[in-house]
Amino acid sequence: MDYLKSTYYFDYESDEIQELIAEFKNDMLSDKEKTKRLYLKVRDCWRYDPYNLSFSKQNFKASKIARKSKGHCVEKSIILIACLRGLGIPARLHLGKVKNHIGVERLTEKFGTNELTPHGMVNVFLNNKWLKLSPAFNKSMCRICNVSPLEFDGENNSFLQEFNNKGNLFMEYLDDYGHFEDVPLEFMINNAKEHYPNIFDTKDNSTEFKL
């Protein structure tokens, strides 16, 4: 497996990604520090939006996502992975299924459930070990949900906000689909169709949501 290579999706040689990582091309910064700073940049500079979904291939290119102001968990993970690889730091996509328990009224209305799948996060290789981190929920969204934003110290996993600040259950992982060298688009489409059959336009085998 090559967790450093540029791919169609992790196109870190593009102008958009090179612009994002320019400030981190500093030999004075360790890989750990670069990852911590990049994590915060991706977490908070793109607003989390689980509703603007499309499974068209071009929409999962890091360079295209970088031009937007918001993205869902997989999109934000793709940006972070592309940036990390562009700095020579091994990174890969990790997918699973989660259930949210707070602020899910619109989610349930649109999807028919408060379960989200596939949910994306990032694995990064630092200090000879793989760490899990999730840049999905930006600080302003966490404030609305009364949840502390996830911090990443570069040494420990940081991917699950189990409770909000009042101790109420916020998020739980239901399934783990493992990690991927590249974006597994076919798997993601089939997974979403299995869990949300009513929101796809199946007449023409479309990969577009009907939200």
N, C-alpha and C. Protein backbone atom coordinates (compact mmCIF):
# COMPACT_ATOMS: atom_id res chain seq x y z
N MET A 1 0.84 -1.20 0.00
CA MET A 1 0.00 0.00 0.00
C MET A 1 0.88 1.26 0.00
N ASP A 2 0.43 2.26 -0.75
CA ASP A 2 1.18 3.52 -0.80
C ASP A 2 0.28 4.63 -0.27
N TYR A 3 0.54 5.03 0.96
CA TYR A 3 -0.29 6.06 1.60
C TYR A 3 0.31 7.46 1.45
N LEU A 4 1.21 7.59 0.48
CA LEU A 4 1.80 8.90 0.20
C LEU A 4 1.51 9.38 -1.23
N LYS A 5 0.98 8.52 -2.06
CA LYS A 5 0.89 8.86 -3.48
C LYS A 5 -0.26 9.82 -3.78
N SER A 6 -0.07 10.55 -4.85
CA SER A 6 -1.13 11.40 -5.38
C SER A 6 -2.03 10.54 -6.26
N THR A 7 -3.34 10.70 -6.10
CA THR A 7 -4.31 9.94 -6.90
C THR A 7 -5.31 10.91 -7.52
N TYR A 8 -6.25 10.35 -8.27
CA TYR A 8 -7.31 11.19 -8.84
C TYR A 8 -8.01 11.97 -7.76
N TYR A 9 -8.27 11.34 -6.62
CA TYR A 9 -9.00 11.98 -5.53
C TYR A 9 -8.06 12.80 -4.63
N PHE A 10 -6.95 12.22 -4.26
CA PHE A 10 -5.98 12.92 -3.39
C PHE A 10 -4.96 13.64 -4.28
N ASP A 11 -5.44 14.60 -5.04
CA ASP A 11 -4.61 15.26 -6.06
C ASP A 11 -3.83 16.43 -5.44
N TYR A 12 -2.88 16.10 -4.59
CA TYR A 12 -2.18 17.15 -3.84
C TYR A 12 -1.22 17.97 -4.68
N GLU A 13 -0.97 17.55 -5.91
CA GLU A 13 -0.12 18.35 -6.79
C GLU A 13 -0.90 19.51 -7.42
N SER A 14 -2.19 19.55 -7.20
CA SER A 14 -3.04 20.62 -7.75
C SER A 14 -2.72 21.96 -7.08
N ASP A 15 -3.05 23.03 -7.76
CA ASP A 15 -2.80 24.37 -7.22
C ASP A 15 -3.57 24.59 -5.92
N GLU A 16 -4.79 24.06 -5.86
CA GLU A 16 -5.62 24.29 -4.69
C GLU A 16 -5.00 23.69 -3.43
N ILE A 17 -4.52 22.46 -3.53
CA ILE A 17 -3.93 21.81 -2.36
C ILE A 17 -2.56 22.39 -2.05
N GLN A 18 -1.79 22.70 -3.07
CA GLN A 18 -0.49 23.31 -2.82
C GLN A 18 -0.63 24.65 -2.11
N GLU A 19 -1.66 25.39 -2.44
CA GLU A 19 -1.92 26.66 -1.76
C GLU A 19 -2.27 26.42 -0.29
N LEU A 20 -3.04 25.37 -0.04
CA LEU A 20 -3.44 25.06 1.34
C LEU A 20 -2.24 24.68 2.21
N ILE A 21 -1.29 23.97 1.65
CA ILE A 21 -0.19 23.45 2.47
C ILE A 21 1.06 24.33 2.43
N ALA A 22 1.00 25.43 1.68
CA ALA A 22 2.19 26.27 1.52
C ALA A 22 2.74 26.73 2.87
N GLU A 23 1.87 27.12 3.78
CA GLU A 23 2.33 27.64 5.07
C GLU A 23 2.95 26.57 5.96
N PHE A 24 2.73 25.30 5.62
CA PHE A 24 3.25 24.21 6.44
C PHE A 24 4.55 23.63 5.89
N LYS A 25 5.00 24.13 4.74
CA LYS A 25 6.26 23.66 4.17
C LYS A 25 7.41 24.37 4.87
N ASN A 26 7.60 23.99 6.09
CA ASN A 26 8.57 24.64 6.97
C ASN A 26 9.37 23.56 7.70
N ASP A 27 10.65 23.49 7.43
CA ASP A 27 11.48 22.45 8.04
C ASP A 27 11.58 22.59 9.55
N MET A 28 11.18 23.73 10.07
CA MET A 28 11.22 23.94 11.52
C MET A 28 10.05 23.24 12.21
N LEU A 29 9.05 22.87 11.44
CA LEU A 29 7.88 22.20 12.00
C LEU A 29 8.03 20.68 11.88
N SER A 30 7.74 19.97 12.94
CA SER A 30 7.75 18.50 12.89
C SER A 30 6.50 18.01 12.18
N ASP A 31 6.50 16.74 11.76
CA ASP A 31 5.30 16.17 11.15
C ASP A 31 4.12 16.22 12.11
N LYS A 32 4.39 16.01 13.38
CA LYS A 32 3.35 16.08 14.40
C LYS A 32 2.72 17.47 14.44
N GLU A 33 3.53 18.49 14.43
CA GLU A 33 3.02 19.86 14.50
C GLU A 33 2.29 20.23 13.21
N LYS A 34 2.80 19.80 12.08
CA LYS A 34 2.13 20.06 10.81
C LYS A 34 0.74 19.42 10.80
N THR A 35 0.66 18.19 11.30
CA THR A 35 -0.61 17.48 11.31
C THR A 35 -1.61 18.16 12.24
N LYS A 36 -1.16 18.57 13.41
CA LYS A 36 -2.04 19.25 14.36
C LYS A 36 -2.61 20.53 13.76
N ARG A 37 -1.76 21.31 13.12
CA ARG A 37 -2.21 22.58 12.54
C ARG A 37 -3.11 22.37 11.33
N LEU A 38 -2.77 21.38 10.51
CA LEU A 38 -3.62 21.07 9.36
C LEU A 38 -4.99 20.58 9.80
N TYR A 39 -4.99 19.77 10.82
CA TYR A 39 -6.25 19.25 11.36
C TYR A 39 -7.19 20.39 11.75
N LEU A 40 -6.69 21.37 12.48
CA LEU A 40 -7.51 22.50 12.89
C LEU A 40 -7.96 23.32 11.70
N LYS A 41 -7.09 23.47 10.72
CA LYS A 41 -7.45 24.24 9.52
C LYS A 41 -8.62 23.60 8.79
N VAL A 42 -8.54 22.28 8.59
CA VAL A 42 -9.61 21.59 7.87
C VAL A 42 -10.86 21.51 8.73
N ARG A 43 -10.70 21.28 10.00
CA ARG A 43 -11.87 21.17 10.89
C ARG A 43 -12.71 22.44 10.86
N ASP A 44 -12.07 23.59 10.91
CA ASP A 44 -12.81 24.84 11.12
C ASP A 44 -12.98 25.71 9.89
N CYS A 45 -12.20 25.51 8.84
CA CYS A 45 -12.33 26.36 7.66
C CYS A 45 -13.37 25.86 6.67
N TRP A 46 -13.84 24.64 6.85
CA TRP A 46 -14.94 24.10 6.05
C TRP A 46 -16.06 23.71 7.00
N ARG A 47 -17.20 24.33 6.81
CA ARG A 47 -18.35 24.04 7.67
C ARG A 47 -18.89 22.64 7.37
N TYR A 48 -19.23 21.92 8.42
CA TYR A 48 -19.78 20.58 8.24
C TYR A 48 -21.18 20.65 7.68
N ASP A 49 -21.43 19.90 6.61
CA ASP A 49 -22.74 19.89 5.96
C ASP A 49 -23.02 18.48 5.44
N PRO A 50 -23.87 17.70 6.14
CA PRO A 50 -24.15 16.33 5.71
C PRO A 50 -25.22 16.23 4.64
N TYR A 51 -25.80 17.37 4.21
CA TYR A 51 -26.97 17.31 3.34
C TYR A 51 -26.66 17.55 1.86
N ASN A 52 -25.57 18.20 1.56
CA ASN A 52 -25.23 18.50 0.16
C ASN A 52 -24.40 17.36 -0.40
N LEU A 53 -25.09 16.28 -0.78
CA LEU A 53 -24.40 15.04 -1.15
C LEU A 53 -24.57 14.71 -2.62
N SER A 54 -23.52 14.20 -3.19
CA SER A 54 -23.54 13.65 -4.54
C SER A 54 -22.43 12.63 -4.62
N PHE A 55 -22.67 11.53 -5.30
CA PHE A 55 -21.63 10.52 -5.46
C PHE A 55 -21.02 10.54 -6.85
N SER A 56 -21.11 11.68 -7.53
CA SER A 56 -20.40 11.83 -8.79
C SER A 56 -18.90 11.86 -8.51
N LYS A 57 -18.14 11.16 -9.32
CA LYS A 57 -16.72 10.95 -9.07
C LYS A 57 -15.95 12.25 -8.88
N GLN A 58 -16.22 13.24 -9.73
CA GLN A 58 -15.45 14.48 -9.68
C GLN A 58 -15.66 15.26 -8.39
N ASN A 59 -16.77 15.01 -7.71
CA ASN A 59 -17.05 15.75 -6.48
C ASN A 59 -16.20 15.31 -5.30
N PHE A 60 -15.46 14.21 -5.46
CA PHE A 60 -14.61 13.72 -4.38
C PHE A 60 -13.14 14.01 -4.61
N LYS A 61 -12.84 14.86 -5.58
CA LYS A 61 -11.45 15.30 -5.77
C LYS A 61 -11.12 16.36 -4.71
N ALA A 62 -9.98 16.20 -4.07
CA ALA A 62 -9.60 17.14 -3.02
C ALA A 62 -9.54 18.57 -3.55
N SER A 63 -9.04 18.76 -4.75
CA SER A 63 -8.92 20.11 -5.31
C SER A 63 -10.29 20.76 -5.50
N LYS A 64 -11.30 19.99 -5.85
CA LYS A 64 -12.64 20.56 -6.02
C LYS A 64 -13.27 20.85 -4.67
N ILE A 65 -13.10 19.94 -3.72
CA ILE A 65 -13.65 20.17 -2.38
C ILE A 65 -13.02 21.41 -1.76
N ALA A 66 -11.74 21.61 -2.01
CA ALA A 66 -11.02 22.75 -1.42
C ALA A 66 -11.60 24.09 -1.86
N ARG A 67 -12.27 24.10 -3.01
CA ARG A 67 -12.84 25.36 -3.51
C ARG A 67 -14.19 25.68 -2.87
N LYS A 68 -14.72 24.74 -2.09
CA LYS A 68 -16.03 24.96 -1.45
C LYS A 68 -15.84 25.53 -0.05
N SER A 69 -16.92 25.95 0.56
CA SER A 69 -16.85 26.50 1.92
C SER A 69 -17.37 25.52 2.97
N LYS A 70 -17.87 24.38 2.51
CA LYS A 70 -18.42 23.40 3.43
C LYS A 70 -18.27 22.01 2.84
N GLY A 71 -18.48 21.00 3.66
CA GLY A 71 -18.37 19.63 3.17
C GLY A 71 -18.81 18.65 4.24
N HIS A 72 -19.14 17.43 3.80
CA HIS A 72 -19.49 16.40 4.78
C HIS A 72 -18.22 15.69 5.24
N CYS A 73 -18.39 14.71 6.12
CA CYS A 73 -17.24 14.10 6.79
C CYS A 73 -16.24 13.47 5.82
N VAL A 74 -16.72 12.80 4.79
CA VAL A 74 -15.81 12.17 3.83
C VAL A 74 -15.05 13.24 3.05
N GLU A 75 -15.74 14.27 2.62
CA GLU A 75 -15.09 15.34 1.86
C GLU A 75 -13.99 16.02 2.68
N LYS A 76 -14.29 16.34 3.93
CA LYS A 76 -13.30 17.00 4.77
C LYS A 76 -12.12 16.07 5.06
N SER A 77 -12.39 14.79 5.18
CA SER A 77 -11.31 13.82 5.37
C SER A 77 -10.42 13.76 4.14
N ILE A 78 -11.02 13.83 2.96
CA ILE A 78 -10.24 13.79 1.72
C ILE A 78 -9.31 14.98 1.63
N ILE A 79 -9.80 16.17 1.98
CA ILE A 79 -8.93 17.35 1.97
C ILE A 79 -7.74 17.15 2.89
N LEU A 80 -8.00 16.70 4.11
CA LEU A 80 -6.92 16.53 5.08
C LEU A 80 -5.92 15.49 4.62
N ILE A 81 -6.39 14.39 4.07
CA ILE A 81 -5.49 13.34 3.58
C ILE A 81 -4.61 13.87 2.45
N ALA A 82 -5.21 14.58 1.51
CA ALA A 82 -4.43 15.13 0.39
C ALA A 82 -3.36 16.09 0.90
N CYS A 83 -3.72 16.92 1.86
CA CYS A 83 -2.76 17.88 2.42
C CYS A 83 -1.63 17.15 3.14
N LEU A 84 -1.95 16.14 3.91
CA LEU A 84 -0.93 15.39 4.64
C LEU A 84 0.01 14.69 3.66
N ARG A 85 -0.54 14.02 2.68
CA ARG A 85 0.31 13.35 1.70
C ARG A 85 1.18 14.34 0.95
N GLY A 86 0.62 15.52 0.69
CA GLY A 86 1.39 16.55 0.00
C GLY A 86 2.58 17.03 0.80
N LEU A 87 2.53 16.81 2.11
CA LEU A 87 3.65 17.18 2.98
C LEU A 87 4.51 15.97 3.34
N GLY A 88 4.24 14.83 2.67
CA GLY A 88 5.04 13.64 2.91
C GLY A 88 4.68 12.88 4.16
N ILE A 89 3.45 13.07 4.65
CA ILE A 89 2.98 12.38 5.85
C ILE A 89 1.96 11.32 5.44
N PRO A 90 2.20 10.05 5.70
CA PRO A 90 1.28 9.00 5.26
C PRO A 90 -0.11 9.17 5.88
N ALA A 91 -1.13 9.02 5.06
CA ALA A 91 -2.51 9.17 5.53
C ALA A 91 -3.43 8.34 4.66
N ARG A 92 -4.55 7.90 5.24
CA ARG A 92 -5.51 7.08 4.51
C ARG A 92 -6.92 7.35 5.03
N LEU A 93 -7.91 6.97 4.24
CA LEU A 93 -9.32 7.17 4.59
C LEU A 93 -9.83 5.99 5.41
N HIS A 94 -10.61 6.29 6.44
CA HIS A 94 -11.22 5.26 7.28
C HIS A 94 -12.73 5.52 7.29
N LEU A 95 -13.51 4.47 7.06
CA LEU A 95 -14.97 4.61 6.96
C LEU A 95 -15.69 3.75 8.00
N GLY A 96 -16.85 4.22 8.40
CA GLY A 96 -17.66 3.47 9.35
C GLY A 96 -19.10 3.95 9.30
N LYS A 97 -19.89 3.50 10.26
CA LYS A 97 -21.28 3.94 10.41
C LYS A 97 -21.47 4.48 11.81
N VAL A 98 -22.10 5.65 11.92
CA VAL A 98 -22.29 6.28 13.22
C VAL A 98 -23.75 6.64 13.42
N LYS A 99 -24.10 6.87 14.67
CA LYS A 99 -25.43 7.35 15.02
C LYS A 99 -25.29 8.63 15.83
N ASN A 100 -25.97 9.69 15.38
CA ASN A 100 -25.98 10.95 16.12
C ASN A 100 -27.26 11.03 16.95
N HIS A 101 -27.16 11.64 18.13
CA HIS A 101 -28.30 11.68 19.04
C HIS A 101 -28.76 13.11 19.36
N ILE A 102 -28.02 14.12 18.93
CA ILE A 102 -28.36 15.50 19.25
C ILE A 102 -28.43 16.31 17.95
N GLY A 103 -29.45 17.14 17.82
CA GLY A 103 -29.60 17.98 16.64
C GLY A 103 -29.85 17.17 15.38
N VAL A 104 -30.67 16.12 15.49
CA VAL A 104 -30.84 15.19 14.37
C VAL A 104 -32.21 15.30 13.70
N GLU A 105 -32.98 16.32 14.04
CA GLU A 105 -34.34 16.42 13.50
C GLU A 105 -34.32 16.50 11.96
N ARG A 106 -33.50 17.39 11.43
CA ARG A 106 -33.44 17.53 9.97
C ARG A 106 -32.80 16.29 9.34
N LEU A 107 -31.82 15.74 10.03
CA LEU A 107 -31.15 14.53 9.54
C LEU A 107 -32.16 13.39 9.39
N THR A 108 -32.97 13.21 10.42
CA THR A 108 -33.97 12.14 10.40
C THR A 108 -35.02 12.40 9.33
N GLU A 109 -35.39 13.68 9.17
CA GLU A 109 -36.38 14.04 8.15
C GLU A 109 -35.87 13.71 6.75
N LYS A 110 -34.61 14.01 6.49
CA LYS A 110 -34.06 13.83 5.14
C LYS A 110 -33.71 12.38 4.85
N PHE A 111 -33.09 11.70 5.83
CA PHE A 111 -32.58 10.36 5.60
C PHE A 111 -33.50 9.26 6.12
N GLY A 112 -34.46 9.63 6.96
CA GLY A 112 -35.32 8.62 7.56
C GLY A 112 -34.68 7.91 8.73
N THR A 113 -33.53 8.40 9.19
CA THR A 113 -32.79 7.77 10.29
C THR A 113 -31.77 8.77 10.82
N ASN A 114 -31.31 8.53 12.04
CA ASN A 114 -30.23 9.36 12.59
C ASN A 114 -28.89 8.65 12.49
N GLU A 115 -28.83 7.63 11.63
CA GLU A 115 -27.57 6.93 11.37
C GLU A 115 -26.94 7.49 10.09
N LEU A 116 -25.63 7.70 10.12
CA LEU A 116 -24.91 8.22 8.98
C LEU A 116 -23.89 7.19 8.49
N THR A 117 -23.94 6.93 7.19
CA THR A 117 -23.00 5.97 6.60
C THR A 117 -22.87 6.23 5.11
N PRO A 118 -21.68 6.11 4.54
CA PRO A 118 -20.43 5.90 5.28
C PRO A 118 -19.94 7.19 5.92
N HIS A 119 -19.50 7.08 7.15
CA HIS A 119 -18.92 8.20 7.87
C HIS A 119 -17.40 8.15 7.69
N GLY A 120 -16.82 9.29 7.35
CA GLY A 120 -15.39 9.32 7.05
C GLY A 120 -14.55 9.96 8.14
N MET A 121 -13.38 9.40 8.32
CA MET A 121 -12.36 10.00 9.18
C MET A 121 -11.01 9.70 8.56
N VAL A 122 -9.94 10.09 9.25
CA VAL A 122 -8.59 10.01 8.72
C VAL A 122 -7.72 9.14 9.62
N ASN A 123 -6.87 8.34 9.00
CA ASN A 123 -5.77 7.69 9.71
C ASN A 123 -4.49 8.36 9.28
N VAL A 124 -3.67 8.76 10.22
CA VAL A 124 -2.38 9.39 9.91
C VAL A 124 -1.28 8.61 10.61
N PHE A 125 -0.13 8.47 9.96
CA PHE A 125 0.98 7.70 10.51
C PHE A 125 2.00 8.67 11.11
N LEU A 126 2.04 8.69 12.44
CA LEU A 126 2.96 9.58 13.17
C LEU A 126 3.70 8.77 14.23
N ASN A 127 4.99 9.02 14.34
CA ASN A 127 5.79 8.36 15.37
C ASN A 127 5.60 6.84 15.36
N ASN A 128 5.61 6.28 14.14
CA ASN A 128 5.56 4.83 13.94
C ASN A 128 4.26 4.17 14.39
N LYS A 129 3.16 4.93 14.39
CA LYS A 129 1.87 4.32 14.68
C LYS A 129 0.76 5.07 13.94
N TRP A 130 -0.30 4.33 13.64
CA TRP A 130 -1.46 4.93 12.99
C TRP A 130 -2.41 5.50 14.04
N LEU A 131 -2.85 6.74 13.78
CA LEU A 131 -3.79 7.41 14.67
C LEU A 131 -5.06 7.77 13.91
N LYS A 132 -6.19 7.73 14.61
CA LYS A 132 -7.48 8.10 14.03
C LYS A 132 -7.83 9.52 14.43
N LEU A 133 -8.29 10.30 13.45
CA LEU A 133 -8.75 11.65 13.76
C LEU A 133 -9.88 12.02 12.81
N SER A 134 -10.81 12.83 13.33
CA SER A 134 -11.97 13.23 12.55
C SER A 134 -12.08 14.75 12.49
N PRO A 135 -11.91 15.34 11.30
CA PRO A 135 -12.00 16.79 11.15
C PRO A 135 -13.41 17.27 10.81
N ALA A 136 -14.41 16.41 10.99
CA ALA A 136 -15.74 16.69 10.45
C ALA A 136 -16.42 17.90 11.08
N PHE A 137 -16.50 17.93 12.41
CA PHE A 137 -17.37 18.90 13.07
C PHE A 137 -16.61 20.17 13.43
N ASN A 138 -16.92 21.24 12.73
CA ASN A 138 -16.26 22.52 12.96
C ASN A 138 -16.69 23.12 14.30
N LYS A 139 -15.87 24.04 14.79
CA LYS A 139 -16.05 24.59 16.13
C LYS A 139 -17.41 25.27 16.30
N SER A 140 -17.86 26.02 15.30
CA SER A 140 -19.13 26.74 15.42
C SER A 140 -20.31 25.77 15.49
N MET A 141 -20.24 24.65 14.74
CA MET A 141 -21.30 23.66 14.81
C MET A 141 -21.33 22.99 16.19
N CYS A 142 -20.16 22.72 16.73
CA CYS A 142 -20.07 22.10 18.05
C CYS A 142 -20.68 23.01 19.11
N ARG A 143 -20.47 24.31 18.96
CA ARG A 143 -21.02 25.26 19.91
C ARG A 143 -22.54 25.20 19.90
N ILE A 144 -23.14 25.10 18.73
CA ILE A 144 -24.59 25.02 18.61
C ILE A 144 -25.12 23.75 19.27
N CYS A 145 -24.39 22.66 19.14
CA CYS A 145 -24.81 21.37 19.71
C CYS A 145 -24.35 21.19 21.15
N ASN A 146 -23.69 22.21 21.70
CA ASN A 146 -23.18 22.15 23.08
C ASN A 146 -22.24 20.96 23.27
N VAL A 147 -21.35 20.79 22.29
CA VAL A 147 -20.37 19.71 22.31
C VAL A 147 -18.98 20.31 22.20
N SER A 148 -18.05 19.81 22.96
CA SER A 148 -16.68 20.30 22.86
C SER A 148 -16.08 19.84 21.54
N PRO A 149 -15.45 20.73 20.77
CA PRO A 149 -14.84 20.31 19.51
C PRO A 149 -13.70 19.33 19.76
N LEU A 150 -13.52 18.41 18.83
CA LEU A 150 -12.44 17.44 18.96
C LEU A 150 -11.10 18.11 18.76
N GLU A 151 -10.20 17.89 19.70
CA GLU A 151 -8.83 18.38 19.57
C GLU A 151 -7.93 17.18 19.22
N PHE A 152 -6.79 17.46 18.60
CA PHE A 152 -5.85 16.41 18.24
C PHE A 152 -4.47 16.80 18.72
N ASP A 153 -3.88 15.94 19.56
CA ASP A 153 -2.58 16.26 20.15
C ASP A 153 -1.41 15.64 19.41
N GLY A 154 -1.70 14.91 18.34
CA GLY A 154 -0.63 14.30 17.56
C GLY A 154 -0.09 13.01 18.14
N GLU A 155 -0.68 12.56 19.24
CA GLU A 155 -0.19 11.34 19.89
C GLU A 155 -1.29 10.34 20.21
N ASN A 156 -2.54 10.80 20.25
CA ASN A 156 -3.65 9.93 20.62
C ASN A 156 -4.78 10.04 19.59
N ASN A 157 -5.59 8.99 19.52
CA ASN A 157 -6.76 9.01 18.65
C ASN A 157 -7.70 10.14 19.05
N SER A 158 -8.37 10.73 18.05
CA SER A 158 -9.33 11.79 18.32
C SER A 158 -10.41 11.74 17.24
N PHE A 159 -11.40 10.87 17.46
CA PHE A 159 -12.39 10.67 16.40
C PHE A 159 -13.81 10.52 16.90
N LEU A 160 -14.03 10.54 18.22
CA LEU A 160 -15.37 10.28 18.73
C LEU A 160 -15.77 11.26 19.82
N GLN A 161 -16.88 11.98 19.57
CA GLN A 161 -17.48 12.84 20.60
C GLN A 161 -18.68 12.09 21.16
N GLU A 162 -18.43 11.29 22.18
CA GLU A 162 -19.47 10.39 22.67
C GLU A 162 -20.57 11.13 23.42
N PHE A 163 -20.20 12.17 24.20
CA PHE A 163 -21.18 12.90 25.00
C PHE A 163 -21.07 14.40 24.75
N ASN A 164 -22.18 15.11 24.98
CA ASN A 164 -22.11 16.57 24.91
C ASN A 164 -21.68 17.11 26.27
N ASN A 165 -21.66 18.42 26.40
CA ASN A 165 -21.16 19.04 27.63
C ASN A 165 -22.07 18.83 28.83
N LYS A 166 -23.29 18.34 28.59
CA LYS A 166 -24.20 18.05 29.69
C LYS A 166 -24.19 16.56 30.06
N GLY A 167 -23.35 15.80 29.38
CA GLY A 167 -23.25 14.38 29.67
C GLY A 167 -24.25 13.52 28.92
N ASN A 168 -24.97 14.13 27.98
CA ASN A 168 -25.93 13.37 27.18
C ASN A 168 -25.23 12.71 26.00
N LEU A 169 -25.69 11.53 25.61
CA LEU A 169 -25.10 10.81 24.49
C LEU A 169 -25.23 11.63 23.21
N PHE A 170 -24.11 11.84 22.53
CA PHE A 170 -24.09 12.63 21.31
C PHE A 170 -23.85 11.78 20.07
N MET A 171 -22.89 10.87 20.15
CA MET A 171 -22.48 10.13 18.96
C MET A 171 -21.97 8.76 19.35
N GLU A 172 -22.30 7.76 18.54
CA GLU A 172 -21.77 6.42 18.78
C GLU A 172 -21.43 5.74 17.45
N TYR A 173 -20.39 4.94 17.47
CA TYR A 173 -20.01 4.17 16.29
C TYR A 173 -20.75 2.84 16.29
N LEU A 174 -21.38 2.53 15.15
CA LEU A 174 -22.14 1.30 15.01
C LEU A 174 -21.40 0.24 14.22
N ASP A 175 -20.55 0.67 13.30
CA ASP A 175 -19.85 -0.29 12.44
C ASP A 175 -18.55 0.34 11.95
N ASP A 176 -17.58 -0.52 11.68
CA ASP A 176 -16.27 -0.08 11.19
C ASP A 176 -16.00 -0.80 9.88
N TYR A 177 -15.87 -0.03 8.80
CA TYR A 177 -15.63 -0.60 7.48
C TYR A 177 -14.14 -0.70 7.14
N GLY A 178 -13.30 -0.22 8.02
CA GLY A 178 -11.86 -0.32 7.80
C GLY A 178 -11.29 0.87 7.04
N HIS A 179 -10.02 0.73 6.66
CA HIS A 179 -9.31 1.84 6.00
C HIS A 179 -9.04 1.53 4.54
N PHE A 180 -8.79 2.59 3.77
CA PHE A 180 -8.65 2.47 2.32
C PHE A 180 -7.49 3.33 1.83
N GLU A 181 -6.76 2.81 0.87
CA GLU A 181 -5.64 3.54 0.28
C GLU A 181 -6.15 4.72 -0.55
N ASP A 182 -7.28 4.53 -1.23
CA ASP A 182 -7.87 5.57 -2.05
C ASP A 182 -9.36 5.64 -1.73
N VAL A 183 -10.07 6.55 -2.34
CA VAL A 183 -11.50 6.71 -2.09
C VAL A 183 -12.25 5.55 -2.74
N PRO A 184 -12.94 4.69 -1.97
CA PRO A 184 -13.64 3.53 -2.52
C PRO A 184 -15.05 3.91 -2.98
N LEU A 185 -15.14 4.63 -4.08
CA LEU A 185 -16.41 5.23 -4.48
C LEU A 185 -17.51 4.19 -4.68
N GLU A 186 -17.20 3.08 -5.34
CA GLU A 186 -18.23 2.07 -5.58
C GLU A 186 -18.77 1.50 -4.27
N PHE A 187 -17.86 1.24 -3.34
CA PHE A 187 -18.28 0.75 -2.02
C PHE A 187 -19.19 1.78 -1.34
N MET A 188 -18.83 3.05 -1.41
CA MET A 188 -19.59 4.11 -0.76
C MET A 188 -20.99 4.22 -1.37
N ILE A 189 -21.08 4.13 -2.68
CA ILE A 189 -22.39 4.20 -3.35
C ILE A 189 -23.27 3.04 -2.94
N ASN A 190 -22.72 1.84 -2.99
CA ASN A 190 -23.51 0.65 -2.62
C ASN A 190 -23.92 0.70 -1.16
N ASN A 191 -23.03 1.19 -0.31
CA ASN A 191 -23.33 1.29 1.11
C ASN A 191 -24.48 2.26 1.36
N ALA A 192 -24.44 3.42 0.70
CA ALA A 192 -25.49 4.42 0.87
C ALA A 192 -26.82 3.93 0.32
N LYS A 193 -26.79 3.26 -0.83
CA LYS A 193 -28.02 2.74 -1.42
C LYS A 193 -28.65 1.68 -0.52
N GLU A 194 -27.81 0.89 0.14
CA GLU A 194 -28.31 -0.14 1.04
C GLU A 194 -29.01 0.47 2.25
N HIS A 195 -28.46 1.56 2.77
CA HIS A 195 -28.99 2.16 4.00
C HIS A 195 -30.06 3.22 3.74
N TYR A 196 -30.00 3.88 2.57
CA TYR A 196 -30.95 4.96 2.27
C TYR A 196 -31.60 4.74 0.91
N PRO A 197 -32.30 3.64 0.71
CA PRO A 197 -32.84 3.35 -0.63
C PRO A 197 -33.85 4.37 -1.12
N ASN A 198 -34.51 5.08 -0.21
CA ASN A 198 -35.58 5.98 -0.63
C ASN A 198 -35.09 7.34 -1.12
N ILE A 199 -33.81 7.66 -0.92
CA ILE A 199 -33.36 8.98 -1.32
C ILE A 199 -32.56 8.96 -2.61
N PHE A 200 -32.42 7.80 -3.23
CA PHE A 200 -31.79 7.73 -4.53
C PHE A 200 -32.85 7.67 -5.62
N ASP A 201 -32.54 8.29 -6.74
CA ASP A 201 -33.39 8.15 -7.91
C ASP A 201 -32.95 6.88 -8.65
N THR A 202 -33.67 5.81 -8.41
CA THR A 202 -33.24 4.52 -8.95
C THR A 202 -33.74 4.26 -10.37
N LYS A 203 -34.52 5.17 -10.93
CA LYS A 203 -35.06 4.95 -12.27
C LYS A 203 -33.96 4.86 -13.32
N ASP A 204 -32.93 5.69 -13.17
CA ASP A 204 -31.84 5.65 -14.13
C ASP A 204 -30.53 5.23 -13.47
N ASN A 205 -30.65 4.51 -12.35
CA ASN A 205 -29.48 4.05 -11.61
C ASN A 205 -28.58 5.21 -11.22
N SER A 206 -29.20 6.33 -10.88
CA SER A 206 -28.46 7.55 -10.57
C SER A 206 -27.69 7.41 -9.26
N THR A 207 -26.62 8.17 -9.16
CA THR A 207 -25.88 8.23 -7.91
C THR A 207 -26.12 9.56 -7.22
N GLU A 208 -27.21 10.22 -7.60
CA GLU A 208 -27.54 11.49 -6.97
C GLU A 208 -28.61 11.29 -5.91
N PHE A 209 -28.47 12.05 -4.82
CA PHE A 209 -29.48 12.02 -3.78
C PHE A 209 -30.66 12.89 -4.17
N LYS A 210 -31.83 12.56 -3.60
CA LYS A 210 -33.05 13.33 -3.86
C LYS A 210 -33.38 14.20 -2.63
N LEU A 211 -32.39 14.83 -2.03
CA LEU A 211 -32.64 15.66 -0.84
C LEU A 211 -33.13 17.03 -1.27
